[in-house]
Amino acid sequence: DEIQTHLQVNKGNSRAQCLAKLGSCLVRGDDKERGKAMIEDAIRI
């Protein structure tokens, strides 16, 4: 995610995968709102 954010990658399969899976991890942890927002971004992609 850090690399893709730095490169301003905002589309494509891998970006959607990264956002969705990292978002799921964050929801399970202590950053639920950010995690769900990431998954919503992945769905939009």
All heavy atoms as atom14 arrays in JSON, in Angstrom:
{
  "sequence": "DEIQTHLQVNKGNSRAQCLAKLGSCLVRGDDKERGKAMIEDAIRI",
  "atom14_mask": [
    [1, 1, 1, 1, 1, 1, 1, 1, 0, 0, 0, 0, 0, 0],
    [1, 1, 1, 1, 1, 1, 1, 1, 1, 0, 0, 0, 0, 0],
    [1, 1, 1, 1, 1, 1, 1, 1, 0, 0, 0, 0, 0, 0],
    [1, 1, 1, 1, 1, 1, 1, 1, 1, 0, 0, 0, 0, 0],
    [1, 1, 1, 1, 1, 1, 1, 0, 0, 0, 0, 0, 0, 0],
    [1, 1, 1, 1, 1, 1, 1, 1, 1, 1, 0, 0, 0, 0],
    [1, 1, 1, 1, 1, 1, 1, 1, 0, 0, 0, 0, 0, 0],
    [1, 1, 1, 1, 1, 1, 1, 1, 1, 0, 0, 0, 0, 0],
    [1, 1, 1, 1, 1, 1, 1, 0, 0, 0, 0, 0, 0, 0],
    [1, 1, 1, 1, 1, 1, 1, 1, 0, 0, 0, 0, 0, 0],
    [1, 1, 1, 1, 1, 1, 1, 1, 1, 0, 0, 0, 0, 0],
    [1, 1, 1, 1, 0, 0, 0, 0, 0, 0, 0, 0, 0, 0],
    [1, 1, 1, 1, 1, 1, 1, 1, 0, 0, 0, 0, 0, 0],
    [1, 1, 1, 1, 1, 1, 0, 0, 0, 0, 0, 0, 0, 0],
    [1, 1, 1, 1, 1, 1, 1, 1, 1, 1, 1, 0, 0, 0],
    [1, 1, 1, 1, 1, 0, 0, 0, 0, 0, 0, 0, 0, 0],
    [1, 1, 1, 1, 1, 1, 1, 1, 1, 0, 0, 0, 0, 0],
    [1, 1, 1, 1, 1, 1, 0, 0, 0, 0, 0, 0, 0, 0],
    [1, 1, 1, 1, 1, 1, 1, 1, 0, 0, 0, 0, 0, 0],
    [1, 1, 1, 1, 1, 0, 0, 0, 0, 0, 0, 0, 0, 0],
    [1, 1, 1, 1, 1, 1, 1, 1, 1, 0, 0, 0, 0, 0],
    [1, 1, 1, 1, 1, 1, 1, 1, 0, 0, 0, 0, 0, 0],
    [1, 1, 1, 1, 0, 0, 0, 0, 0, 0, 0, 0, 0, 0],
    [1, 1, 1, 1, 1, 1, 0, 0, 0, 0, 0, 0, 0, 0],
    [1, 1, 1, 1, 1, 1, 0, 0, 0, 0, 0, 0, 0, 0],
    [1, 1, 1, 1, 1, 1, 1, 1, 0, 0, 0, 0, 0, 0],
    [1, 1, 1, 1, 1, 1, 1, 0, 0, 0, 0, 0, 0, 0],
    [1, 1, 1, 1, 1, 1, 1, 1, 1, 1, 1, 0, 0, 0],
    [1, 1, 1, 1, 0, 0, 0, 0, 0, 0, 0, 0, 0, 0],
    [1, 1, 1, 1, 1, 1, 1, 1, 0, 0, 0, 0, 0, 0],
    [1, 1, 1, 1, 1, 1, 1, 1, 0, 0, 0, 0, 0, 0],
    [1, 1, 1, 1, 1, 1, 1, 1, 1, 0, 0, 0, 0, 0],
    [1, 1, 1, 1, 1, 1, 1, 1, 1, 0, 0, 0, 0, 0],
    [1, 1, 1, 1, 1, 1, 1, 1, 1, 1, 1, 0, 0, 0],
    [1, 1, 1, 1, 0, 0, 0, 0, 0, 0, 0, 0, 0, 0],
    [1, 1, 1, 1, 1, 1, 1, 1, 1, 0, 0, 0, 0, 0],
    [1, 1, 1, 1, 1, 0, 0, 0, 0, 0, 0, 0, 0, 0],
    [1, 1, 1, 1, 1, 1, 1, 1, 0, 0, 0, 0, 0, 0],
    [1, 1, 1, 1, 1, 1, 1, 1, 0, 0, 0, 0, 0, 0],
    [1, 1, 1, 1, 1, 1, 1, 1, 1, 0, 0, 0, 0, 0],
    [1, 1, 1, 1, 1, 1, 1, 1, 0, 0, 0, 0, 0, 0],
    [1, 1, 1, 1, 1, 0, 0, 0, 0, 0, 0, 0, 0, 0],
    [1, 1, 1, 1, 1, 1, 1, 1, 0, 0, 0, 0, 0, 0],
    [1, 1, 1, 1, 1, 1, 1, 1, 1, 1, 1, 0, 0, 0],
    [1, 1, 1, 1, 1, 1, 1, 1, 0, 0, 0, 0, 0, 0]
  ],
  "atom14_positions": [
    [[0.83, -1.21, 0.0], [0.0, 0.0, 0.0], [0.86, 1.26, 0.0], [0.56, 2.23, -0.71], [-0.92, 0.0, 1.23], [-1.77, 1.25, 1.32], [-2.48, 1.57, 0.35], [-1.72, 1.92, 2.37], [0.0, 0.0, 0.0], [0.0, 0.0, 0.0], [0.0, 0.0, 0.0], [0.0, 0.0, 0.0], [0.0, 0.0, 0.0], [0.0, 0.0, 0.0]],
    [[1.94, 1.23, 0.76], [2.83, 2.39, 0.81], [3.43, 2.67, -0.56], [3.5, 3.82, -1.01], [3.94, 2.13, 1.84], [4.87, 3.31, 2.06], [5.92, 3.03, 3.12], [5.7, 2.16, 3.99], [6.98, 3.7, 3.08], [0.0, 0.0, 0.0], [0.0, 0.0, 0.0], [0.0, 0.0, 0.0], [0.0, 0.0, 0.0], [0.0, 0.0, 0.0]],
    [[3.86, 1.6, -1.25], [4.45, 1.77, -2.59], [3.41, 2.3, -3.57], [3.65, 3.25, -4.33], [5.03, 0.43, -3.09], [6.25, 0.02, -2.25], [5.43, 0.54, -4.57], [6.74, -1.39, -2.52], [0.0, 0.0, 0.0], [0.0, 0.0, 0.0], [0.0, 0.0, 0.0], [0.0, 0.0, 0.0], [0.0, 0.0, 0.0], [0.0, 0.0, 0.0]],
    [[2.22, 1.66, -3.57], [1.18, 2.07, -4.52], [0.71, 3.5, -4.26], [0.43, 4.25, -5.2], [0.02, 1.09, -4.45], [0.36, -0.28, -5.02], [-0.77, -1.29, -4.88], [-1.68, -1.12, -4.07], [-0.7, -2.37, -5.65], [0.0, 0.0, 0.0], [0.0, 0.0, 0.0], [0.0, 0.0, 0.0], [0.0, 0.0, 0.0], [0.0, 0.0, 0.0]],
    [[0.62, 3.87, -2.99], [0.22, 5.24, -2.66], [1.26, 6.23, -3.16], [0.92, 7.28, -3.74], [0.02, 5.4, -1.14], [-0.98, 4.49, -0.7], [-0.38, 6.82, -0.78], [0.0, 0.0, 0.0], [0.0, 0.0, 0.0], [0.0, 0.0, 0.0], [0.0, 0.0, 0.0], [0.0, 0.0, 0.0], [0.0, 0.0, 0.0], [0.0, 0.0, 0.0]],
    [[2.54, 5.89, -2.95], [3.63, 6.76, -3.42], [3.61, 6.9, -4.94], [3.85, 8.0, -5.47], [4.98, 6.2, -2.96], [6.16, 6.99, -3.45], [6.49, 8.23, -2.96], [7.08, 6.69, -4.42], [7.56, 8.69, -3.59], [7.94, 7.77, -4.47], [0.0, 0.0, 0.0], [0.0, 0.0, 0.0], [0.0, 0.0, 0.0], [0.0, 0.0, 0.0]],
    [[3.3, 5.8, -5.64], [3.27, 5.82, -7.11], [1.95, 6.36, -7.65], [1.78, 6.46, -8.86], [3.49, 4.39, -7.65], [4.86, 3.75, -7.38], [4.87, 2.32, -7.9], [5.98, 4.56, -8.02], [0.0, 0.0, 0.0], [0.0, 0.0, 0.0], [0.0, 0.0, 0.0], [0.0, 0.0, 0.0], [0.0, 0.0, 0.0], [0.0, 0.0, 0.0]],
    [[1.02, 6.67, -6.74], [-0.31, 7.19, -7.11], [-1.08, 6.2, -8.0], [-1.75, 6.57, -8.96], [-0.19, 8.56, -7.79], [0.39, 9.64, -6.88], [0.44, 11.01, -7.53], [0.57, 11.14, -8.74], [0.29, 12.04, -6.71], [0.0, 0.0, 0.0], [0.0, 0.0, 0.0], [0.0, 0.0, 0.0], [0.0, 0.0, 0.0], [0.0, 0.0, 0.0]],
    [[-0.95, 4.91, -7.65], [-1.73, 3.87, -8.34], [-3.15, 3.91, -7.78], [-3.36, 3.72, -6.59], [-1.11, 2.47, -8.11], [-1.97, 1.4, -8.77], [0.32, 2.43, -8.64], [0.0, 0.0, 0.0], [0.0, 0.0, 0.0], [0.0, 0.0, 0.0], [0.0, 0.0, 0.0], [0.0, 0.0, 0.0], [0.0, 0.0, 0.0], [0.0, 0.0, 0.0]],
    [[-4.13, 4.15, -8.64], [-5.51, 4.24, -8.17], [-6.48, 3.42, -9.0], [-7.69, 3.67, -8.99], [-5.97, 5.7, -8.13], [-5.78, 6.41, -9.46], [-5.65, 5.77, -10.51], [-5.74, 7.73, -9.42], [0.0, 0.0, 0.0], [0.0, 0.0, 0.0], [0.0, 0.0, 0.0], [0.0, 0.0, 0.0], [0.0, 0.0, 0.0], [0.0, 0.0, 0.0]],
    [[-5.95, 2.43, -9.73], [-6.81, 1.53, -10.48], [-6.06, 0.22, -10.7], [-4.88, 0.11, -10.36], [-7.23, 2.13, -11.82], [-6.07, 2.38, -12.79], [-6.6, 2.95, -14.11], [-5.45, 3.12, -15.1], [-5.93, 3.61, -16.41], [0.0, 0.0, 0.0], [0.0, 0.0, 0.0], [0.0, 0.0, 0.0], [0.0, 0.0, 0.0], [0.0, 0.0, 0.0]],
    [[-6.78, -0.77, -11.25], [-6.14, -2.04, -11.55], [-6.42, -3.1, -10.5], [-6.77, -2.81, -9.36], [0.0, 0.0, 0.0], [0.0, 0.0, 0.0], [0.0, 0.0, 0.0], [0.0, 0.0, 0.0], [0.0, 0.0, 0.0], [0.0, 0.0, 0.0], [0.0, 0.0, 0.0], [0.0, 0.0, 0.0], [0.0, 0.0, 0.0], [0.0, 0.0, 0.0]],
    [[-6.23, -4.36, -10.92], [-6.53, -5.5, -10.07], [-5.73, -5.49, -8.77], [-6.28, -5.67, -7.68], [-6.24, -6.79, -10.84], [-6.41, -8.04, -9.98], [-7.5, -8.33, -9.5], [-5.32, -8.76, -9.77], [0.0, 0.0, 0.0], [0.0, 0.0, 0.0], [0.0, 0.0, 0.0], [0.0, 0.0, 0.0], [0.0, 0.0, 0.0], [0.0, 0.0, 0.0]],
    [[-4.44, -5.28, -8.88], [-3.6, -5.37, -7.69], [-3.93, -4.28, -6.68], [-3.92, -4.52, -5.47], [-2.12, -5.28, -8.08], [-1.3, -5.45, -6.93], [0.0, 0.0, 0.0], [0.0, 0.0, 0.0], [0.0, 0.0, 0.0], [0.0, 0.0, 0.0], [0.0, 0.0, 0.0], [0.0, 0.0, 0.0], [0.0, 0.0, 0.0], [0.0, 0.0, 0.0]],
    [[-4.24, -3.08, -7.17], [-4.6, -1.99, -6.24], [-5.89, -2.33, -5.51], [-5.99, -2.14, -4.29], [-4.75, -0.67, -7.0], [-5.04, 0.53, -6.07], [-4.0, 0.65, -4.99], [-4.21, 1.79, -4.1], [-3.68, 1.87, -2.88], [-2.94, 0.87, -2.41], [-3.88, 2.93, -2.12], [0.0, 0.0, 0.0], [0.0, 0.0, 0.0], [0.0, 0.0, 0.0]],
    [[-6.87, -2.84, -6.25], [-8.12, -3.23, -5.61], [-7.9, -4.36, -4.6], [-8.46, -4.34, -3.5], [-9.14, -3.66, -6.68], [0.0, 0.0, 0.0], [0.0, 0.0, 0.0], [0.0, 0.0, 0.0], [0.0, 0.0, 0.0], [0.0, 0.0, 0.0], [0.0, 0.0, 0.0], [0.0, 0.0, 0.0], [0.0, 0.0, 0.0], [0.0, 0.0, 0.0]],
    [[-7.05, -5.32, -4.97], [-6.75, -6.42, -4.05], [-6.1, -5.91, -2.77], [-6.48, -6.32, -1.66], [-5.8, -7.42, -4.73], [-6.42, -8.26, -5.81], [-7.14, -9.46, -5.22], [-7.73, -9.38, -4.15], [-7.11, -10.56, -5.91], [0.0, 0.0, 0.0], [0.0, 0.0, 0.0], [0.0, 0.0, 0.0], [0.0, 0.0, 0.0], [0.0, 0.0, 0.0]],
    [[-5.13, -5.06, -2.92], [-4.41, -4.54, -1.77], [-5.35, -3.77, -0.85], [-5.36, -3.97, 0.37], [-3.26, -3.65, -2.23], [-2.24, -3.01, -0.88], [0.0, 0.0, 0.0], [0.0, 0.0, 0.0], [0.0, 0.0, 0.0], [0.0, 0.0, 0.0], [0.0, 0.0, 0.0], [0.0, 0.0, 0.0], [0.0, 0.0, 0.0], [0.0, 0.0, 0.0]],
    [[-6.16, -2.89, -1.42], [-7.09, -2.09, -0.62], [-8.09, -2.99, 0.11], [-8.36, -2.79, 1.31], [-7.85, -1.12, -1.53], [-7.07, 0.1, -2.02], [-7.84, 0.8, -3.14], [-6.79, 1.08, -0.87], [0.0, 0.0, 0.0], [0.0, 0.0, 0.0], [0.0, 0.0, 0.0], [0.0, 0.0, 0.0], [0.0, 0.0, 0.0], [0.0, 0.0, 0.0]],
    [[-8.65, -3.97, -0.61], [-9.68, -4.82, -0.02], [-9.13, -5.7, 1.1], [-9.72, -5.8, 2.19], [-10.34, -5.68, -1.1], [0.0, 0.0, 0.0], [0.0, 0.0, 0.0], [0.0, 0.0, 0.0], [0.0, 0.0, 0.0], [0.0, 0.0, 0.0], [0.0, 0.0, 0.0], [0.0, 0.0, 0.0], [0.0, 0.0, 0.0], [0.0, 0.0, 0.0]],
    [[-7.99, -6.33, 0.86], [-7.45, -7.26, 1.85], [-6.85, -6.51, 3.04], [-7.02, -6.92, 4.19], [-6.4, -8.17, 1.2], [-6.96, -9.1, 0.14], [-8.05, -9.98, 0.71], [-8.55, -11.03, -0.29], [-9.39, -10.48, -1.37], [0.0, 0.0, 0.0], [0.0, 0.0, 0.0], [0.0, 0.0, 0.0], [0.0, 0.0, 0.0], [0.0, 0.0, 0.0]],
    [[-6.15, -5.4, 2.78], [-5.63, -4.6, 3.89], [-6.79, -3.99, 4.67], [-6.77, -3.95, 5.91], [-4.71, -3.51, 3.36], [-4.08, -2.58, 4.41], [-3.34, -3.37, 5.49], [-3.14, -1.57, 3.73], [0.0, 0.0, 0.0], [0.0, 0.0, 0.0], [0.0, 0.0, 0.0], [0.0, 0.0, 0.0], [0.0, 0.0, 0.0], [0.0, 0.0, 0.0]],
    [[-7.84, -3.56, 3.97], [-9.02, -3.03, 4.65], [-9.65, -4.04, 5.58], [-10.02, -3.71, 6.71], [0.0, 0.0, 0.0], [0.0, 0.0, 0.0], [0.0, 0.0, 0.0], [0.0, 0.0, 0.0], [0.0, 0.0, 0.0], [0.0, 0.0, 0.0], [0.0, 0.0, 0.0], [0.0, 0.0, 0.0], [0.0, 0.0, 0.0], [0.0, 0.0, 0.0]],
    [[-9.74, -5.29, 5.13], [-10.29, -6.34, 5.99], [-9.45, -6.53, 7.24], [-9.98, -6.71, 8.34], [-10.36, -7.67, 5.21], [-11.23, -7.56, 4.1], [0.0, 0.0, 0.0], [0.0, 0.0, 0.0], [0.0, 0.0, 0.0], [0.0, 0.0, 0.0], [0.0, 0.0, 0.0], [0.0, 0.0, 0.0], [0.0, 0.0, 0.0], [0.0, 0.0, 0.0]],
    [[-8.13, -6.48, 7.08], [-7.24, -6.61, 8.24], [-7.45, -5.46, 9.23], [-7.46, -5.67, 10.44], [-5.78, -6.63, 7.78], [-5.3, -8.1, 6.84], [0.0, 0.0, 0.0], [0.0, 0.0, 0.0], [0.0, 0.0, 0.0], [0.0, 0.0, 0.0], [0.0, 0.0, 0.0], [0.0, 0.0, 0.0], [0.0, 0.0, 0.0], [0.0, 0.0, 0.0]],
    [[-7.61, -4.25, 8.71], [-7.79, -3.08, 9.57], [-9.11, -3.15, 10.33], [-9.19, -2.76, 11.5], [-7.73, -1.8, 8.75], [-6.35, -1.46, 8.15], [-6.46, -0.27, 7.21], [-5.33, -1.18, 9.24], [0.0, 0.0, 0.0], [0.0, 0.0, 0.0], [0.0, 0.0, 0.0], [0.0, 0.0, 0.0], [0.0, 0.0, 0.0], [0.0, 0.0, 0.0]],
    [[-10.17, -3.65, 9.66], [-11.47, -3.79, 10.34], [-11.35, -4.78, 11.49], [-11.94, -4.58, 12.55], [-12.56, -4.23, 9.34], [-13.85, -4.58, 10.07], [-12.83, -3.12, 8.33], [0.0, 0.0, 0.0], [0.0, 0.0, 0.0], [0.0, 0.0, 0.0], [0.0, 0.0, 0.0], [0.0, 0.0, 0.0], [0.0, 0.0, 0.0], [0.0, 0.0, 0.0]],
    [[-10.59, -5.84, 11.28], [-10.39, -6.83, 12.35], [-9.57, -6.23, 13.49], [-9.68, -6.66, 14.64], [-9.69, -8.07, 11.8], [-9.51, -9.22, 12.79], [-10.83, -9.76, 13.28], [-10.66, -10.81, 14.25], [-10.71, -12.11, 13.98], [-10.95, -12.51, 12.73], [-10.53, -13.01, 14.91], [0.0, 0.0, 0.0], [0.0, 0.0, 0.0], [0.0, 0.0, 0.0]],
    [[-8.77, -5.23, 13.17], [-7.92, -4.61, 14.18], [-8.57, -3.4, 14.81], [-9.73, -3.44, 15.22], [0.0, 0.0, 0.0], [0.0, 0.0, 0.0], [0.0, 0.0, 0.0], [0.0, 0.0, 0.0], [0.0, 0.0, 0.0], [0.0, 0.0, 0.0], [0.0, 0.0, 0.0], [0.0, 0.0, 0.0], [0.0, 0.0, 0.0], [0.0, 0.0, 0.0]],
    [[-7.84, -2.29, 14.85], [-8.3, -1.12, 15.61], [-8.57, 0.1, 14.74], [-8.59, 1.22, 15.22], [-7.27, -0.77, 16.69], [-5.88, -0.51, 16.11], [-5.75, -0.6, 14.88], [-4.97, -0.22, 16.89], [0.0, 0.0, 0.0], [0.0, 0.0, 0.0], [0.0, 0.0, 0.0], [0.0, 0.0, 0.0], [0.0, 0.0, 0.0], [0.0, 0.0, 0.0]],
    [[-8.75, -0.11, 13.43], [-8.99, 1.02, 12.53], [-10.14, 0.68, 11.59], [-9.99, 0.64, 10.36], [-7.71, 1.34, 11.75], [-7.69, 2.8, 11.27], [-8.75, 3.44, 11.31], [-6.61, 3.26, 10.85], [0.0, 0.0, 0.0], [0.0, 0.0, 0.0], [0.0, 0.0, 0.0], [0.0, 0.0, 0.0], [0.0, 0.0, 0.0], [0.0, 0.0, 0.0]],
    [[-11.3, 0.43, 12.16], [-12.44, -0.1, 11.42], [-12.91, 0.83, 10.32], [-13.2, 0.39, 9.2], [-13.58, -0.42, 12.39], [-13.28, -1.57, 13.34], [-14.42, -1.83, 14.29], [-14.2, -3.1, 15.11], [-12.92, -3.16, 15.79], [0.0, 0.0, 0.0], [0.0, 0.0, 0.0], [0.0, 0.0, 0.0], [0.0, 0.0, 0.0], [0.0, 0.0, 0.0]],
    [[-13.04, 2.12, 10.6], [-13.57, 3.04, 9.61], [-12.64, 3.17, 8.41], [-13.09, 3.19, 7.26], [-13.83, 4.41, 10.24], [-14.96, 4.41, 11.26], [-16.24, 3.79, 10.72], [-16.64, 4.16, 9.59], [-16.83, 2.93, 11.39], [0.0, 0.0, 0.0], [0.0, 0.0, 0.0], [0.0, 0.0, 0.0], [0.0, 0.0, 0.0], [0.0, 0.0, 0.0]],
    [[-11.35, 3.28, 8.67], [-10.39, 3.35, 7.55], [-10.43, 2.06, 6.74], [-10.38, 2.09, 5.51], [-8.99, 3.59, 8.1], [-7.91, 3.65, 7.01], [-6.56, 4.0, 7.56], [-5.53, 3.87, 6.54], [-4.42, 3.16, 6.68], [-4.17, 2.52, 7.81], [-3.54, 3.08, 5.71], [0.0, 0.0, 0.0], [0.0, 0.0, 0.0], [0.0, 0.0, 0.0]],
    [[-10.54, 0.94, 7.43], [-10.59, -0.35, 6.73], [-11.79, -0.46, 5.81], [-11.65, -0.85, 4.64], [0.0, 0.0, 0.0], [0.0, 0.0, 0.0], [0.0, 0.0, 0.0], [0.0, 0.0, 0.0], [0.0, 0.0, 0.0], [0.0, 0.0, 0.0], [0.0, 0.0, 0.0], [0.0, 0.0, 0.0], [0.0, 0.0, 0.0], [0.0, 0.0, 0.0]],
    [[-12.97, -0.08, 6.3], [-14.17, -0.16, 5.46], [-14.1, 0.83, 4.29], [-14.57, 0.53, 3.19], [-15.42, 0.09, 6.32], [-15.71, -1.06, 7.27], [-16.82, -0.76, 8.25], [-18.17, -0.87, 7.64], [-19.24, -0.77, 8.64], [0.0, 0.0, 0.0], [0.0, 0.0, 0.0], [0.0, 0.0, 0.0], [0.0, 0.0, 0.0], [0.0, 0.0, 0.0]],
    [[-13.5, 2.0, 4.53], [-13.33, 2.97, 3.45], [-12.42, 2.4, 2.35], [-12.66, 2.62, 1.15], [-12.76, 4.27, 4.0], [0.0, 0.0, 0.0], [0.0, 0.0, 0.0], [0.0, 0.0, 0.0], [0.0, 0.0, 0.0], [0.0, 0.0, 0.0], [0.0, 0.0, 0.0], [0.0, 0.0, 0.0], [0.0, 0.0, 0.0], [0.0, 0.0, 0.0]],
    [[-11.39, 1.66, 2.75], [-10.5, 1.03, 1.77], [-11.27, 0.01, 0.92], [-11.09, -0.05, -0.31], [-9.33, 0.34, 2.48], [-8.23, 1.26, 2.93], [-6.86, 0.3, 3.63], [-5.52, 1.48, 3.47], [0.0, 0.0, 0.0], [0.0, 0.0, 0.0], [0.0, 0.0, 0.0], [0.0, 0.0, 0.0], [0.0, 0.0, 0.0], [0.0, 0.0, 0.0]],
    [[-12.09, -0.8, 1.57], [-12.86, -1.81, 0.84], [-13.83, -1.13, -0.12], [-14.02, -1.57, -1.26], [-13.6, -2.74, 1.8], [-12.6, -3.48, 2.71], [-14.44, -3.76, 1.03], [-13.24, -4.25, 3.85], [0.0, 0.0, 0.0], [0.0, 0.0, 0.0], [0.0, 0.0, 0.0], [0.0, 0.0, 0.0], [0.0, 0.0, 0.0], [0.0, 0.0, 0.0]],
    [[-14.46, -0.06, 0.31], [-15.37, 0.7, -0.57], [-14.62, 1.26, -1.78], [-15.14, 1.25, -2.91], [-16.05, 1.82, 0.22], [-17.09, 1.3, 1.2], [-17.55, 2.37, 2.18], [-16.99, 3.49, 2.14], [-18.46, 2.08, 2.99], [0.0, 0.0, 0.0], [0.0, 0.0, 0.0], [0.0, 0.0, 0.0], [0.0, 0.0, 0.0], [0.0, 0.0, 0.0]],
    [[-13.39, 1.73, -1.57], [-12.57, 2.21, -2.7], [-12.27, 1.06, -3.66], [-12.3, 1.24, -4.89], [-11.25, 2.8, -2.19], [-11.43, 4.18, -1.57], [-12.48, 4.8, -1.81], [-10.52, 4.62, -0.84], [0.0, 0.0, 0.0], [0.0, 0.0, 0.0], [0.0, 0.0, 0.0], [0.0, 0.0, 0.0], [0.0, 0.0, 0.0], [0.0, 0.0, 0.0]],
    [[-11.99, -0.12, -3.1], [-11.71, -1.29, -3.95], [-12.93, -1.67, -4.77], [-12.81, -2.0, -5.97], [-11.27, -2.46, -3.08], [0.0, 0.0, 0.0], [0.0, 0.0, 0.0], [0.0, 0.0, 0.0], [0.0, 0.0, 0.0], [0.0, 0.0, 0.0], [0.0, 0.0, 0.0], [0.0, 0.0, 0.0], [0.0, 0.0, 0.0], [0.0, 0.0, 0.0]],
    [[-14.11, -1.62, -4.17], [-15.35, -1.92, -4.9], [-15.54, -0.93, -6.04], [-15.92, -1.31, -7.16], [-16.55, -1.92, -3.95], [-16.48, -3.13, -3.0], [-17.87, -1.94, -4.73], [-17.51, -3.13, -1.89], [0.0, 0.0, 0.0], [0.0, 0.0, 0.0], [0.0, 0.0, 0.0], [0.0, 0.0, 0.0], [0.0, 0.0, 0.0], [0.0, 0.0, 0.0]],
    [[-15.27, 0.35, -5.79], [-15.41, 1.36, -6.84], [-14.47, 1.09, -8.01], [-14.83, 1.26, -9.18], [-15.18, 2.76, -6.26], [-16.39, 3.31, -5.51], [-16.23, 4.79, -5.23], [-15.27, 5.04, -4.17], [-15.57, 5.09, -2.87], [-16.82, 4.89, -2.48], [-14.64, 5.32, -1.97], [0.0, 0.0, 0.0], [0.0, 0.0, 0.0], [0.0, 0.0, 0.0]],
    [[-13.24, 0.67, -7.69], [-12.28, 0.33, -8.76], [-12.82, -0.83, -9.58], [-12.79, -0.8, -10.83], [-10.91, -0.03, -8.15], [-10.24, 1.22, -7.56], [-10.01, -0.67, -9.2], [-8.97, 0.92, -6.78], [0.0, 0.0, 0.0], [0.0, 0.0, 0.0], [0.0, 0.0, 0.0], [0.0, 0.0, 0.0], [0.0, 0.0, 0.0], [0.0, 0.0, 0.0]]
  ]
}
